[in-house]
């Protein structure tokens, strides 16, 4: 059986990235390496990991596209559910996220908003599906 365990975001600064997710969303730090090149946070059932650009480059011989804040995000998102989308959206922006799309109510009743994190990764903040 295959189980989805974690997502690794390739970032310029692991500590700053972890601090952003702690402050903006209340996630808890699991650990960070002494070299400060890899770290993890707990975000419910799934771990979000961060690897610095140099470490990530050592894993991929042909390189990769670096996410940049202010540019169009990749065609993938991290989805965070909450009972109060507006509160979490506003708090994330206050902590350094870039607002991309304010709250919209989907035809099925779900509230959805989008921000970019401090590295340019796309985050959906939405109400849970009933």
N, C-alpha and C. Protein backbone atom coordinates (compact mmCIF):
# COMPACT_ATOMS: atom_id res chain seq x y z
N UNK A 1 0.85 -1.18 0.00
CA UNK A 1 0.00 0.00 0.00
C UNK A 1 0.88 1.24 0.00
N UNK A 2 0.55 2.21 -0.81
CA UNK A 2 1.26 3.48 -0.88
C UNK A 2 0.50 4.50 -0.04
N UNK A 3 1.24 5.30 0.72
CA UNK A 3 0.64 6.33 1.56
C UNK A 3 1.35 7.65 1.29
N UNK A 4 0.57 8.71 1.06
CA UNK A 4 1.15 10.04 0.89
C UNK A 4 1.61 10.53 2.27
N UNK A 5 2.88 10.84 2.41
CA UNK A 5 3.44 11.19 3.71
C UNK A 5 3.83 12.64 3.85
N UNK A 6 4.43 13.22 2.79
CA UNK A 6 4.91 14.59 2.92
C UNK A 6 5.09 15.25 1.57
N UNK A 7 5.20 16.56 1.61
CA UNK A 7 5.55 17.38 0.46
C UNK A 7 6.80 18.15 0.86
N UNK A 8 7.78 18.23 -0.04
CA UNK A 8 8.98 19.01 0.23
C UNK A 8 8.97 20.23 -0.69
N UNK A 9 9.08 21.40 -0.08
CA UNK A 9 9.18 22.65 -0.83
C UNK A 9 10.65 23.06 -0.86
N UNK A 10 11.15 23.37 -2.05
CA UNK A 10 12.54 23.81 -2.20
C UNK A 10 12.57 25.33 -2.03
N UNK A 11 13.28 25.77 -1.01
CA UNK A 11 13.24 27.17 -0.59
C UNK A 11 14.65 27.75 -0.42
N UNK A 12 14.72 29.07 -0.39
CA UNK A 12 16.01 29.74 -0.19
C UNK A 12 16.45 29.69 1.26
N UNK A 13 15.49 29.76 2.19
CA UNK A 13 15.84 29.79 3.60
C UNK A 13 14.87 28.91 4.39
N UNK A 14 15.36 27.79 4.87
CA UNK A 14 14.51 26.81 5.57
C UNK A 14 13.93 27.40 6.85
N UNK A 15 14.76 28.03 7.67
CA UNK A 15 14.29 28.60 8.95
C UNK A 15 13.20 29.64 8.75
N UNK A 16 13.43 30.57 7.82
CA UNK A 16 12.42 31.61 7.56
C UNK A 16 11.12 31.00 7.07
N UNK A 17 11.23 29.98 6.24
CA UNK A 17 10.03 29.33 5.71
C UNK A 17 9.24 28.65 6.82
N UNK A 18 9.92 27.92 7.68
CA UNK A 18 9.25 27.27 8.80
C UNK A 18 8.62 28.29 9.73
N UNK A 19 9.34 29.36 10.03
CA UNK A 19 8.79 30.42 10.89
C UNK A 19 7.54 31.03 10.28
N UNK A 20 7.54 31.24 8.97
CA UNK A 20 6.35 31.78 8.31
C UNK A 20 5.15 30.86 8.52
N UNK A 21 5.31 29.57 8.28
CA UNK A 21 4.20 28.63 8.42
C UNK A 21 3.75 28.49 9.87
N UNK A 22 4.67 28.61 10.80
CA UNK A 22 4.30 28.60 12.22
C UNK A 22 3.45 29.81 12.56
N UNK A 23 3.90 30.99 12.15
CA UNK A 23 3.21 32.24 12.48
C UNK A 23 1.91 32.42 11.70
N UNK A 24 1.95 32.11 10.41
CA UNK A 24 0.79 32.36 9.56
C UNK A 24 -0.34 31.36 9.77
N UNK A 25 0.01 30.09 10.05
CA UNK A 25 -1.01 29.05 10.10
C UNK A 25 -1.04 28.26 11.40
N UNK A 26 -0.09 28.51 12.31
CA UNK A 26 -0.09 27.82 13.59
C UNK A 26 0.44 26.41 13.55
N UNK A 27 1.13 26.02 12.47
CA UNK A 27 1.70 24.69 12.40
C UNK A 27 2.88 24.58 13.34
N UNK A 28 3.22 23.35 13.73
CA UNK A 28 4.30 23.12 14.70
C UNK A 28 5.52 22.54 14.02
N UNK A 29 6.67 23.04 14.41
CA UNK A 29 7.95 22.56 13.91
C UNK A 29 8.21 21.16 14.45
N UNK A 30 8.53 20.22 13.55
CA UNK A 30 8.95 18.88 13.97
C UNK A 30 10.44 18.88 14.24
N UNK A 31 11.21 19.36 13.28
CA UNK A 31 12.65 19.47 13.47
C UNK A 31 13.27 20.26 12.32
N UNK A 32 14.50 20.65 12.54
CA UNK A 32 15.32 21.29 11.52
C UNK A 32 16.74 20.77 11.70
N UNK A 33 17.43 20.52 10.60
CA UNK A 33 18.79 19.98 10.70
C UNK A 33 19.75 21.02 11.26
N UNK A 34 20.83 20.57 11.90
CA UNK A 34 21.83 21.52 12.41
C UNK A 34 22.42 22.40 11.29
N UNK A 35 22.44 21.87 10.05
CA UNK A 35 22.95 22.63 8.91
C UNK A 35 21.92 23.65 8.40
N UNK A 36 20.71 23.58 8.92
CA UNK A 36 19.62 24.47 8.54
C UNK A 36 19.27 24.32 7.05
N UNK A 37 19.46 23.11 6.50
CA UNK A 37 19.17 22.92 5.09
C UNK A 37 17.94 22.04 4.84
N UNK A 38 17.35 21.53 5.91
CA UNK A 38 16.14 20.71 5.80
C UNK A 38 15.37 20.81 7.11
N UNK A 39 14.05 20.88 7.00
CA UNK A 39 13.21 20.91 8.19
C UNK A 39 11.81 20.47 7.87
N UNK A 40 11.03 20.19 8.92
CA UNK A 40 9.66 19.72 8.75
C UNK A 40 8.74 20.40 9.76
N UNK A 41 7.48 20.56 9.33
CA UNK A 41 6.43 21.02 10.23
C UNK A 41 5.29 20.02 10.19
N UNK A 42 4.54 19.97 11.26
CA UNK A 42 3.34 19.14 11.34
C UNK A 42 2.16 20.00 10.95
N UNK A 43 1.37 19.50 10.01
CA UNK A 43 0.22 20.26 9.52
C UNK A 43 -1.02 19.36 9.49
N UNK A 44 -1.28 18.70 10.57
CA UNK A 44 -2.37 17.73 10.59
C UNK A 44 -1.80 16.35 10.35
N UNK A 45 -2.40 15.60 9.43
CA UNK A 45 -1.95 14.24 9.14
C UNK A 45 -0.74 14.19 8.21
N UNK A 46 -0.44 15.29 7.55
CA UNK A 46 0.63 15.33 6.56
C UNK A 46 1.73 16.27 7.00
N UNK A 47 2.96 15.92 6.68
CA UNK A 47 4.12 16.75 6.99
C UNK A 47 4.43 17.64 5.79
N UNK A 48 4.73 18.90 6.07
CA UNK A 48 5.28 19.78 5.04
C UNK A 48 6.76 19.92 5.37
N UNK A 49 7.60 19.63 4.38
CA UNK A 49 9.04 19.68 4.56
C UNK A 49 9.62 20.81 3.71
N UNK A 50 10.80 21.24 4.10
CA UNK A 50 11.50 22.30 3.40
C UNK A 50 12.95 21.89 3.22
N UNK A 51 13.44 22.00 1.99
CA UNK A 51 14.85 21.74 1.69
C UNK A 51 15.41 22.98 1.02
N UNK A 52 16.63 23.37 1.40
CA UNK A 52 17.18 24.55 0.75
C UNK A 52 17.58 24.23 -0.69
N UNK A 53 17.72 25.27 -1.47
CA UNK A 53 17.98 25.14 -2.90
C UNK A 53 19.23 24.29 -3.17
N UNK A 54 20.28 24.49 -2.39
CA UNK A 54 21.52 23.75 -2.60
C UNK A 54 21.31 22.25 -2.37
N UNK A 55 20.63 21.88 -1.28
CA UNK A 55 20.37 20.48 -1.00
C UNK A 55 19.48 19.88 -2.09
N UNK A 56 18.44 20.60 -2.46
CA UNK A 56 17.53 20.12 -3.50
C UNK A 56 18.26 19.92 -4.82
N UNK A 57 19.17 20.82 -5.14
CA UNK A 57 19.93 20.72 -6.38
C UNK A 57 20.81 19.47 -6.40
N UNK A 58 21.26 19.06 -5.23
CA UNK A 58 22.10 17.85 -5.18
C UNK A 58 21.30 16.59 -5.47
N UNK A 59 19.98 16.65 -5.36
CA UNK A 59 19.12 15.50 -5.62
C UNK A 59 18.69 15.39 -7.08
N UNK A 60 18.71 16.50 -7.80
CA UNK A 60 18.18 16.53 -9.17
C UNK A 60 19.26 17.02 -10.14
N UNK A 61 19.85 16.09 -10.84
CA UNK A 61 21.00 16.42 -11.69
C UNK A 61 20.65 17.39 -12.83
N UNK A 62 19.41 17.42 -13.27
CA UNK A 62 19.00 18.34 -14.33
C UNK A 62 18.38 19.62 -13.81
N UNK A 63 18.41 19.82 -12.48
CA UNK A 63 17.88 21.05 -11.89
C UNK A 63 16.37 21.05 -11.78
N UNK A 64 15.82 22.21 -11.42
CA UNK A 64 14.38 22.38 -11.25
C UNK A 64 14.05 23.86 -11.34
N UNK A 65 12.78 24.17 -11.48
CA UNK A 65 12.32 25.56 -11.53
C UNK A 65 12.14 26.05 -10.10
N UNK A 66 12.81 27.13 -9.76
CA UNK A 66 12.71 27.70 -8.42
C UNK A 66 11.44 28.54 -8.33
N UNK A 67 10.69 28.37 -7.26
CA UNK A 67 9.50 29.18 -7.02
C UNK A 67 9.93 30.57 -6.57
N UNK A 68 9.31 31.61 -7.14
CA UNK A 68 9.67 32.98 -6.82
C UNK A 68 8.41 33.76 -6.46
N UNK A 69 8.45 34.40 -5.30
CA UNK A 69 7.32 35.21 -4.86
C UNK A 69 7.09 36.34 -5.85
N UNK A 70 5.84 36.57 -6.20
CA UNK A 70 5.49 37.63 -7.13
C UNK A 70 5.34 37.15 -8.56
N UNK A 71 5.91 35.98 -8.88
CA UNK A 71 5.71 35.40 -10.20
C UNK A 71 4.49 34.50 -10.16
N UNK A 72 4.01 34.10 -11.33
CA UNK A 72 2.89 33.16 -11.36
C UNK A 72 3.28 31.90 -10.63
N UNK A 73 2.38 31.39 -9.79
CA UNK A 73 2.71 30.16 -9.06
C UNK A 73 2.69 28.93 -9.96
N UNK A 74 3.34 27.86 -9.50
CA UNK A 74 3.29 26.58 -10.19
C UNK A 74 1.84 26.11 -10.26
N UNK A 75 1.58 25.13 -11.11
CA UNK A 75 0.25 24.56 -11.24
C UNK A 75 -0.02 23.50 -10.19
N UNK A 76 0.27 23.83 -8.95
CA UNK A 76 0.03 22.93 -7.81
C UNK A 76 -0.20 23.81 -6.59
N UNK A 77 -0.95 23.33 -5.64
CA UNK A 77 -1.20 24.14 -4.44
C UNK A 77 -1.18 23.28 -3.19
N UNK A 78 -0.90 23.93 -2.09
CA UNK A 78 -1.10 23.33 -0.77
C UNK A 78 -2.49 23.76 -0.33
N UNK A 79 -3.31 22.82 0.11
CA UNK A 79 -4.67 23.14 0.52
C UNK A 79 -4.82 23.03 2.02
N UNK A 80 -5.23 24.15 2.65
CA UNK A 80 -5.44 24.19 4.10
C UNK A 80 -6.91 24.46 4.37
N UNK A 81 -7.54 23.62 5.19
CA UNK A 81 -8.94 23.82 5.53
C UNK A 81 -9.07 24.47 6.90
N UNK A 82 -10.13 25.26 7.04
CA UNK A 82 -10.40 25.96 8.28
C UNK A 82 -11.88 26.32 8.32
N UNK A 83 -12.39 26.47 9.51
CA UNK A 83 -13.78 26.92 9.68
C UNK A 83 -13.91 28.42 9.46
N UNK A 84 -12.78 29.16 9.50
CA UNK A 84 -12.83 30.62 9.35
C UNK A 84 -11.83 31.06 8.29
N UNK A 85 -12.22 30.95 7.03
CA UNK A 85 -11.34 31.27 5.90
C UNK A 85 -10.89 32.72 5.96
N UNK A 86 -11.79 33.64 6.23
CA UNK A 86 -11.44 35.07 6.25
C UNK A 86 -10.38 35.37 7.30
N UNK A 87 -10.53 34.84 8.49
CA UNK A 87 -9.58 35.08 9.57
C UNK A 87 -8.19 34.54 9.20
N UNK A 88 -8.13 33.31 8.70
CA UNK A 88 -6.85 32.70 8.35
C UNK A 88 -6.22 33.43 7.16
N UNK A 89 -7.00 33.77 6.16
CA UNK A 89 -6.51 34.52 5.01
C UNK A 89 -5.89 35.85 5.46
N UNK A 90 -6.62 36.61 6.24
CA UNK A 90 -6.13 37.92 6.69
C UNK A 90 -4.89 37.78 7.56
N UNK A 91 -4.86 36.78 8.42
CA UNK A 91 -3.69 36.57 9.28
C UNK A 91 -2.47 36.17 8.46
N UNK A 92 -2.66 35.29 7.48
CA UNK A 92 -1.54 34.88 6.62
C UNK A 92 -0.96 36.08 5.88
N UNK A 93 -1.82 36.94 5.38
CA UNK A 93 -1.36 38.15 4.68
C UNK A 93 -0.60 39.05 5.65
N UNK A 94 -1.11 39.19 6.85
CA UNK A 94 -0.43 40.01 7.87
C UNK A 94 0.96 39.45 8.19
N UNK A 95 1.13 38.13 8.11
CA UNK A 95 2.40 37.47 8.41
C UNK A 95 3.35 37.40 7.21
N UNK A 96 2.92 37.93 6.05
CA UNK A 96 3.83 38.00 4.90
C UNK A 96 3.38 37.31 3.64
N UNK A 97 2.23 36.63 3.67
CA UNK A 97 1.72 36.01 2.45
C UNK A 97 1.22 37.09 1.50
N UNK A 98 1.25 36.79 0.23
CA UNK A 98 0.74 37.70 -0.79
C UNK A 98 -0.66 37.26 -1.18
N UNK A 99 -1.66 38.14 -1.03
CA UNK A 99 -3.01 37.75 -1.44
C UNK A 99 -3.10 37.62 -2.95
N UNK A 100 -3.71 36.54 -3.42
CA UNK A 100 -3.91 36.33 -4.85
C UNK A 100 -5.38 36.39 -5.22
N UNK A 101 -6.21 35.74 -4.43
CA UNK A 101 -7.66 35.73 -4.68
C UNK A 101 -8.38 35.81 -3.34
N UNK A 102 -9.21 36.84 -3.18
CA UNK A 102 -10.02 36.95 -1.96
C UNK A 102 -11.07 35.85 -1.95
N UNK A 103 -11.76 35.73 -0.84
CA UNK A 103 -12.72 34.65 -0.63
C UNK A 103 -13.83 34.68 -1.68
N UNK A 104 -14.05 33.51 -2.25
CA UNK A 104 -15.18 33.31 -3.15
C UNK A 104 -15.92 32.08 -2.67
N UNK A 105 -17.23 32.10 -2.85
CA UNK A 105 -18.04 30.94 -2.49
C UNK A 105 -18.30 30.15 -3.76
N UNK A 106 -17.89 28.91 -3.76
CA UNK A 106 -18.06 28.02 -4.90
C UNK A 106 -19.53 27.58 -5.00
N UNK A 107 -19.97 27.13 -6.17
CA UNK A 107 -21.37 26.72 -6.34
C UNK A 107 -21.80 25.65 -5.33
N UNK A 108 -20.88 24.86 -4.82
CA UNK A 108 -21.22 23.81 -3.86
C UNK A 108 -21.17 24.32 -2.41
N UNK A 109 -20.93 25.64 -2.23
CA UNK A 109 -21.00 26.24 -0.91
C UNK A 109 -19.68 26.41 -0.19
N UNK A 110 -18.60 25.90 -0.73
CA UNK A 110 -17.29 25.99 -0.07
C UNK A 110 -16.69 27.38 -0.28
N UNK A 111 -16.13 27.95 0.81
CA UNK A 111 -15.40 29.21 0.72
C UNK A 111 -13.95 28.91 0.36
N UNK A 112 -13.39 29.66 -0.59
CA UNK A 112 -12.03 29.41 -1.07
C UNK A 112 -11.33 30.75 -1.29
N UNK A 113 -10.06 30.84 -0.84
CA UNK A 113 -9.21 32.01 -1.07
C UNK A 113 -7.80 31.51 -1.35
N UNK A 114 -6.99 32.35 -1.99
CA UNK A 114 -5.63 31.96 -2.36
C UNK A 114 -4.61 33.01 -1.96
N UNK A 115 -3.46 32.52 -1.48
CA UNK A 115 -2.30 33.37 -1.19
C UNK A 115 -1.05 32.68 -1.73
N UNK A 116 0.02 33.47 -1.84
CA UNK A 116 1.34 32.91 -2.11
C UNK A 116 2.13 33.03 -0.82
N UNK A 117 2.89 31.98 -0.49
CA UNK A 117 3.74 32.06 0.70
C UNK A 117 4.96 32.93 0.41
N UNK A 118 5.87 33.04 1.34
CA UNK A 118 7.02 33.93 1.20
C UNK A 118 7.99 33.46 0.12
N UNK A 119 7.82 32.24 -0.37
CA UNK A 119 8.66 31.70 -1.43
C UNK A 119 7.95 31.65 -2.78
N UNK A 120 6.69 32.04 -2.81
CA UNK A 120 5.93 32.02 -4.06
C UNK A 120 5.08 30.79 -4.27
N UNK A 121 5.03 29.88 -3.29
CA UNK A 121 4.20 28.69 -3.43
C UNK A 121 2.73 29.05 -3.20
N UNK A 122 1.85 28.42 -3.96
CA UNK A 122 0.42 28.68 -3.90
C UNK A 122 -0.23 27.93 -2.76
N UNK A 123 -1.04 28.65 -1.99
CA UNK A 123 -1.78 28.05 -0.87
C UNK A 123 -3.25 28.38 -1.05
N UNK A 124 -4.07 27.34 -1.02
CA UNK A 124 -5.51 27.50 -0.98
C UNK A 124 -5.95 27.43 0.47
N UNK A 125 -6.73 28.41 0.90
CA UNK A 125 -7.32 28.42 2.24
C UNK A 125 -8.82 28.25 2.01
N UNK A 126 -9.39 27.16 2.53
CA UNK A 126 -10.78 26.87 2.21
C UNK A 126 -11.51 26.27 3.40
N UNK A 127 -12.84 26.36 3.33
CA UNK A 127 -13.66 25.71 4.33
C UNK A 127 -13.72 24.22 4.01
N UNK A 128 -13.93 23.39 5.03
CA UNK A 128 -14.01 21.94 4.78
C UNK A 128 -15.23 21.61 3.92
N UNK A 129 -15.10 20.54 3.18
CA UNK A 129 -16.26 20.04 2.40
C UNK A 129 -17.16 19.28 3.37
N UNK A 130 -18.47 19.47 3.21
CA UNK A 130 -19.38 18.78 4.13
C UNK A 130 -19.62 17.36 3.73
